[in-house]
Amino acid sequence: MARSPKPWYRKDRKSWFVTIHGKRHNLGNDRKLAFQQFHELMLKPNSPQISSNSLALLIDSRP
């Protein structure tokens, strides 16, 4: 079972970080602003990245 993302503090960088959908985000060094930014990131839908030469893109681009 996958863990739900939550921010953590890195002492060596003095910043808050979170990993969402496999991508790490630097939320800054202010705790309150970091959690606000975390909630904004969680509200964004997960849209898969499709490379420009993928089969799905080629099929969708046909007339």
PDB file of N, CA and C in Angstrom:
ATOM      1  N   MET A   1       0.840  -1.172   0.000  1.00  0.00           N
ATOM      2  CA  MET A   1       0.000   0.000   0.000  1.00  0.00           C
ATOM      3  C   MET A   1       0.891   1.243   0.000  1.00  0.00           C
ATOM      4  N   ALA A   2       0.574   2.185  -0.864  1.00  0.00           N
ATOM      5  CA  ALA A   2       1.366   3.399  -0.987  1.00  0.00           C
ATOM      6  C   ALA A   2       1.086   4.348   0.171  1.00  0.00           C
ATOM      7  N   ARG A   3       2.099   5.089   0.523  1.00  0.00           N
ATOM      8  CA  ARG A   3       1.947   6.082   1.591  1.00  0.00           C
ATOM      9  C   ARG A   3       1.359   7.366   1.015  1.00  0.00           C
ATOM     10  N   SER A   4       0.605   8.068   1.828  1.00  0.00           N
ATOM     11  CA  SER A   4       0.094   9.362   1.389  1.00  0.00           C
ATOM     12  C   SER A   4       1.194  10.398   1.584  1.00  0.00           C
ATOM     13  N   PRO A   5       1.334  11.316   0.642  1.00  0.00           N
ATOM     14  CA  PRO A   5       2.419  12.303   0.740  1.00  0.00           C
ATOM     15  C   PRO A   5       2.192  13.274   1.879  1.00  0.00           C
ATOM     16  N   LYS A   6       3.297  13.655   2.519  1.00  0.00           N
ATOM     17  CA  LYS A   6       3.248  14.703   3.535  1.00  0.00           C
ATOM     18  C   LYS A   6       4.607  15.383   3.575  1.00  0.00           C
ATOM     19  N   PRO A   7       4.640  16.663   3.877  1.00  0.00           N
ATOM     20  CA  PRO A   7       5.901  17.410   3.893  1.00  0.00           C
ATOM     21  C   PRO A   7       6.832  16.949   5.015  1.00  0.00           C
ATOM     22  N   TRP A   8       8.123  17.050   4.750  1.00  0.00           N
ATOM     23  CA  TRP A   8       9.133  16.780   5.772  1.00  0.00           C
ATOM     24  C   TRP A   8      10.205  17.850   5.683  1.00  0.00           C
ATOM     25  N   TYR A   9      10.909  18.044   6.799  1.00  0.00           N
ATOM     26  CA  TYR A   9      11.924  19.085   6.901  1.00  0.00           C
ATOM     27  C   TYR A   9      13.304  18.472   6.773  1.00  0.00           C
ATOM     28  N   ARG A  10      14.143  19.041   5.914  1.00  0.00           N
ATOM     29  CA  ARG A  10      15.539  18.609   5.775  1.00  0.00           C
ATOM     30  C   ARG A  10      16.422  19.627   6.468  1.00  0.00           C
ATOM     31  N   LYS A  11      17.065  19.194   7.543  1.00  0.00           N
ATOM     32  CA  LYS A  11      17.914  20.102   8.323  1.00  0.00           C
ATOM     33  C   LYS A  11      19.111  20.586   7.515  1.00  0.00           C
ATOM     34  N   ASP A  12      19.689  19.697   6.697  1.00  0.00           N
ATOM     35  CA  ASP A  12      20.881  20.083   5.939  1.00  0.00           C
ATOM     36  C   ASP A  12      20.591  21.174   4.900  1.00  0.00           C
ATOM     37  N   ARG A  13      19.386  21.221   4.389  1.00  0.00           N
ATOM     38  CA  ARG A  13      19.009  22.252   3.413  1.00  0.00           C
ATOM     39  C   ARG A  13      18.124  23.340   4.011  1.00  0.00           C
ATOM     40  N   LYS A  14      17.696  23.136   5.237  1.00  0.00           N
ATOM     41  CA  LYS A  14      16.831  24.084   5.941  1.00  0.00           C
ATOM     42  C   LYS A  14      15.592  24.421   5.116  1.00  0.00           C
ATOM     43  N   SER A  15      14.962  23.372   4.564  1.00  0.00           N
ATOM     44  CA  SER A  15      13.778  23.549   3.727  1.00  0.00           C
ATOM     45  C   SER A  15      12.808  22.387   3.908  1.00  0.00           C
ATOM     46  N   TRP A  16      11.560  22.649   3.564  1.00  0.00           N
ATOM     47  CA  TRP A  16      10.506  21.633   3.575  1.00  0.00           C
ATOM     48  C   TRP A  16      10.397  21.034   2.187  1.00  0.00           C
ATOM     49  N   PHE A  17      10.180  19.716   2.127  1.00  0.00           N
ATOM     50  CA  PHE A  17      10.053  19.001   0.864  1.00  0.00           C
ATOM     51  C   PHE A  17       8.852  18.070   0.925  1.00  0.00           C
ATOM     52  N   VAL A  18       8.346  17.702  -0.254  1.00  0.00           N
ATOM     53  CA  VAL A  18       7.295  16.698  -0.366  1.00  0.00           C
ATOM     54  C   VAL A  18       7.483  15.992  -1.709  1.00  0.00           C
ATOM     55  N   THR A  19       7.166  14.702  -1.743  1.00  0.00           N
ATOM     56  CA  THR A  19       7.198  13.942  -2.988  1.00  0.00           C
ATOM     57  C   THR A  19       5.765  13.586  -3.356  1.00  0.00           C
ATOM     58  N   ILE A  20       5.328  14.074  -4.528  1.00  0.00           N
ATOM     59  CA  ILE A  20       3.974  13.831  -5.019  1.00  0.00           C
ATOM     60  C   ILE A  20       4.085  13.227  -6.405  1.00  0.00           C
ATOM     61  N   HIS A  21       3.495  12.050  -6.587  1.00  0.00           N
ATOM     62  CA  HIS A  21       3.507  11.323  -7.860  1.00  0.00           C
ATOM     63  C   HIS A  21       4.935  11.096  -8.354  1.00  0.00           C
ATOM     64  N   GLY A  22       5.847  10.799  -7.441  1.00  0.00           N
ATOM     65  CA  GLY A  22       7.222  10.492  -7.799  1.00  0.00           C
ATOM     66  C   GLY A  22       8.106  11.686  -8.060  1.00  0.00           C
ATOM     67  N   LYS A  23       7.599  12.897  -7.882  1.00  0.00           N
ATOM     68  CA  LYS A  23       8.382  14.102  -8.121  1.00  0.00           C
ATOM     69  C   LYS A  23       8.556  14.864  -6.811  1.00  0.00           C
ATOM     70  N   ARG A  24       9.801  15.215  -6.479  1.00  0.00           N
ATOM     71  CA  ARG A  24      10.093  15.924  -5.241  1.00  0.00           C
ATOM     72  C   ARG A  24       9.957  17.430  -5.463  1.00  0.00           C
ATOM     73  N   HIS A  25       9.270  18.082  -4.536  1.00  0.00           N
ATOM     74  CA  HIS A  25       9.044  19.527  -4.606  1.00  0.00           C
ATOM     75  C   HIS A  25       9.672  20.199  -3.392  1.00  0.00           C
ATOM     76  N   ASN A  26      10.411  21.290  -3.630  1.00  0.00           N
ATOM     77  CA  ASN A  26      10.964  22.096  -2.547  1.00  0.00           C
ATOM     78  C   ASN A  26       9.904  23.127  -2.177  1.00  0.00           C
ATOM     79  N   LEU A  27       9.441  23.076  -0.926  1.00  0.00           N
ATOM     80  CA  LEU A  27       8.360  23.961  -0.485  1.00  0.00           C
ATOM     81  C   LEU A  27       8.861  25.208   0.218  1.00  0.00           C
ATOM     82  N   GLY A  28      10.151  25.368   0.384  1.00  0.00           N
ATOM     83  CA  GLY A  28      10.711  26.550   1.034  1.00  0.00           C
ATOM     84  C   GLY A  28      11.025  26.311   2.492  1.00  0.00           C
ATOM     85  N   ASN A  29      11.463  27.366   3.175  1.00  0.00           N
ATOM     86  CA  ASN A  29      11.902  27.200   4.564  1.00  0.00           C
ATOM     87  C   ASN A  29      10.873  27.648   5.596  1.00  0.00           C
ATOM     88  N   ASP A  30       9.804  28.295   5.203  1.00  0.00           N
ATOM     89  CA  ASP A  30       8.755  28.713   6.132  1.00  0.00           C
ATOM     90  C   ASP A  30       7.717  27.601   6.246  1.00  0.00           C
ATOM     91  N   ARG A  31       7.492  27.096   7.456  1.00  0.00           N
ATOM     92  CA  ARG A  31       6.609  25.945   7.657  1.00  0.00           C
ATOM     93  C   ARG A  31       5.173  26.232   7.214  1.00  0.00           C
ATOM     94  N   LYS A  32       4.645  27.379   7.599  1.00  0.00           N
ATOM     95  CA  LYS A  32       3.258  27.710   7.276  1.00  0.00           C
ATOM     96  C   LYS A  32       3.062  27.826   5.761  1.00  0.00           C
ATOM     97  N   LEU A  33       3.967  28.522   5.079  1.00  0.00           N
ATOM     98  CA  LEU A  33       3.862  28.661   3.629  1.00  0.00           C
ATOM     99  C   LEU A  33       4.102  27.328   2.921  1.00  0.00           C
ATOM    100  N   ALA A  34       4.965  26.506   3.485  1.00  0.00           N
ATOM    101  CA  ALA A  34       5.233  25.192   2.891  1.00  0.00           C
ATOM    102  C   ALA A  34       3.975  24.329   2.905  1.00  0.00           C
ATOM    103  N   PHE A  35       3.251  24.335   4.013  1.00  0.00           N
ATOM    104  CA  PHE A  35       2.034  23.534   4.084  1.00  0.00           C
ATOM    105  C   PHE A  35       0.938  24.092   3.180  1.00  0.00           C
ATOM    106  N   GLN A  36       0.888  25.416   3.012  1.00  0.00           N
ATOM    107  CA  GLN A  36      -0.073  25.993   2.077  1.00  0.00           C
ATOM    108  C   GLN A  36       0.239  25.557   0.647  1.00  0.00           C
ATOM    109  N   GLN A  37       1.530  25.593   0.289  1.00  0.00           N
ATOM    110  CA  GLN A  37       1.934  25.178  -1.051  1.00  0.00           C
ATOM    111  C   GLN A  37       1.689  23.685  -1.245  1.00  0.00           C
ATOM    112  N   PHE A  38       1.901  22.884  -0.206  1.00  0.00           N
ATOM    113  CA  PHE A  38       1.631  21.458  -0.262  1.00  0.00           C
ATOM    114  C   PHE A  38       0.161  21.198  -0.573  1.00  0.00           C
ATOM    115  N   HIS A  39      -0.737  21.907   0.091  1.00  0.00           N
ATOM    116  CA  HIS A  39      -2.170  21.716  -0.147  1.00  0.00           C
ATOM    117  C   HIS A  39      -2.558  22.140  -1.562  1.00  0.00           C
ATOM    118  N   GLU A  40      -1.926  23.185  -2.086  1.00  0.00           N
ATOM    119  CA  GLU A  40      -2.187  23.602  -3.463  1.00  0.00           C
ATOM    120  C   GLU A  40      -1.722  22.543  -4.455  1.00  0.00           C
ATOM    121  N   LEU A  41      -0.565  21.943  -4.202  1.00  0.00           N
ATOM    122  CA  LEU A  41      -0.067  20.878  -5.075  1.00  0.00           C
ATOM    123  C   LEU A  41      -0.979  19.657  -5.044  1.00  0.00           C
ATOM    124  N   MET A  42      -1.527  19.347  -3.881  1.00  0.00           N
ATOM    125  CA  MET A  42      -2.397  18.184  -3.756  1.00  0.00           C
ATOM    126  C   MET A  42      -3.730  18.384  -4.479  1.00  0.00           C
ATOM    127  N   LEU A  43      -4.144  19.638  -4.652  1.00  0.00           N
ATOM    128  CA  LEU A  43      -5.403  19.924  -5.344  1.00  0.00           C
ATOM    129  C   LEU A  43      -5.281  19.763  -6.862  1.00  0.00           C
ATOM    130  N   LYS A  44      -4.061  19.873  -7.387  1.00  0.00           N
ATOM    131  CA  LYS A  44      -3.861  19.748  -8.835  1.00  0.00           C
ATOM    132  C   LYS A  44      -4.043  18.295  -9.245  1.00  0.00           C
ATOM    133  N   PRO A  45      -4.750  18.064 -10.348  1.00  0.00           N
ATOM    134  CA  PRO A  45      -4.926  16.680 -10.809  1.00  0.00           C
ATOM    135  C   PRO A  45      -3.621  16.119 -11.360  1.00  0.00           C
ATOM    136  N   ASN A  46      -3.483  14.815 -11.294  1.00  0.00           N
ATOM    137  CA  ASN A  46      -2.300  14.137 -11.817  1.00  0.00           C
ATOM    138  C   ASN A  46      -2.500  13.884 -13.295  1.00  0.00           C
ATOM    139  N   SER A  47      -1.819  14.657 -14.139  1.00  0.00           N
ATOM    140  CA  SER A  47      -1.938  14.460 -15.584  1.00  0.00           C
ATOM    141  C   SER A  47      -0.679  13.755 -16.074  1.00  0.00           C
ATOM    142  N   PRO A  48      -0.835  12.605 -16.716  1.00  0.00           N
ATOM    143  CA  PRO A  48       0.334  11.870 -17.191  1.00  0.00           C
ATOM    144  C   PRO A  48       1.045  12.612 -18.312  1.00  0.00           C
ATOM    145  N   GLN A  49       2.368  12.546 -18.312  1.00  0.00           N
ATOM    146  CA  GLN A  49       3.159  13.181 -19.356  1.00  0.00           C
ATOM    147  C   GLN A  49       3.306  12.201 -20.520  1.00  0.00           C
ATOM    148  N   ILE A  50       2.939  12.646 -21.719  1.00  0.00           N
ATOM    149  CA  ILE A  50       3.039  11.820 -22.911  1.00  0.00           C
ATOM    150  C   ILE A  50       4.151  12.379 -23.784  1.00  0.00           C
ATOM    151  N   SER A  51       5.106  11.533 -24.150  1.00  0.00           N
ATOM    152  CA  SER A  51       6.201  11.997 -24.991  1.00  0.00           C
ATOM    153  C   SER A  51       5.690  12.289 -26.404  1.00  0.00           C
ATOM    154  N   SER A  52       6.435  13.120 -27.130  1.00  0.00           N
ATOM    155  CA  SER A  52       5.979  13.571 -28.447  1.00  0.00           C
ATOM    156  C   SER A  52       5.968  12.459 -29.486  1.00  0.00           C
ATOM    157  N   ASN A  53       6.646  11.351 -29.241  1.00  0.00           N
ATOM    158  CA  ASN A  53       6.666  10.267 -30.220  1.00  0.00           C
ATOM    159  C   ASN A  53       5.911   9.025 -29.724  1.00  0.00           C
ATOM    160  N   SER A  54       4.987   9.192 -28.809  1.00  0.00           N
ATOM    161  CA  SER A  54       4.249   8.050 -28.292  1.00  0.00           C
ATOM    162  C   SER A  54       3.142   7.637 -29.265  1.00  0.00           C
ATOM    163  N   LEU A  55       2.776   6.390 -29.191  1.00  0.00           N
ATOM    164  CA  LEU A  55       1.729   5.847 -30.063  1.00  0.00           C
ATOM    165  C   LEU A  55       0.392   6.543 -29.810  1.00  0.00           C
ATOM    166  N   ALA A  56       0.073   6.810 -28.555  1.00  0.00           N
ATOM    167  CA  ALA A  56      -1.207   7.465 -28.233  1.00  0.00           C
ATOM    168  C   ALA A  56      -1.282   8.851 -28.885  1.00  0.00           C
ATOM    169  N   LEU A  57      -0.205   9.595 -28.860  1.00  0.00           N
ATOM    170  CA  LEU A  57      -0.185  10.933 -29.465  1.00  0.00           C
ATOM    171  C   LEU A  57      -0.329  10.829 -30.980  1.00  0.00           C
ATOM    172  N   LEU A  58       0.349   9.853 -31.594  1.00  0.00           N
ATOM    173  CA  LEU A  58       0.245   9.675 -33.046  1.00  0.00           C
ATOM    174  C   LEU A  58      -1.161   9.306 -33.462  1.00  0.00           C
ATOM    175  N   ILE A  59      -1.821   8.451 -32.710  1.00  0.00           N
ATOM    176  CA  ILE A  59      -3.203   8.049 -33.025  1.00  0.00           C
ATOM    177  C   ILE A  59      -4.152   9.224 -32.860  1.00  0.00           C
ATOM    178  N   ASP A  60      -3.984   9.993 -31.785  1.00  0.00           N
ATOM    179  CA  ASP A  60      -4.863  11.134 -31.548  1.00  0.00           C
ATOM    180  C   ASP A  60      -4.678  12.238 -32.595  1.00  0.00           C
ATOM    181  N   SER A  61      -3.511  12.341 -33.192  1.00  0.00           N
ATOM    182  CA  SER A  61      -3.255  13.414 -34.149  1.00  0.00           C
ATOM    183  C   SER A  61      -3.720  13.085 -35.565  1.00  0.00           C
ATOM    184  N   ARG A  62      -4.147  11.848 -35.794  1.00  0.00           N
ATOM    185  CA  ARG A  62      -4.627  11.469 -37.133  1.00  0.00           C
ATOM    186  C   ARG A  62      -5.975  12.135 -37.408  1.00  0.00           C
ATOM    187  N   PRO A  63      -6.197  12.543 -38.681  1.00  0.00           N
ATOM    188  CA  PRO A  63      -7.478  13.200 -39.039  1.00  0.00           C
ATOM    189  C   PRO A  63      -8.645  12.253 -39.040  1.00  0.00           C
TER     190      PRO A  63
END
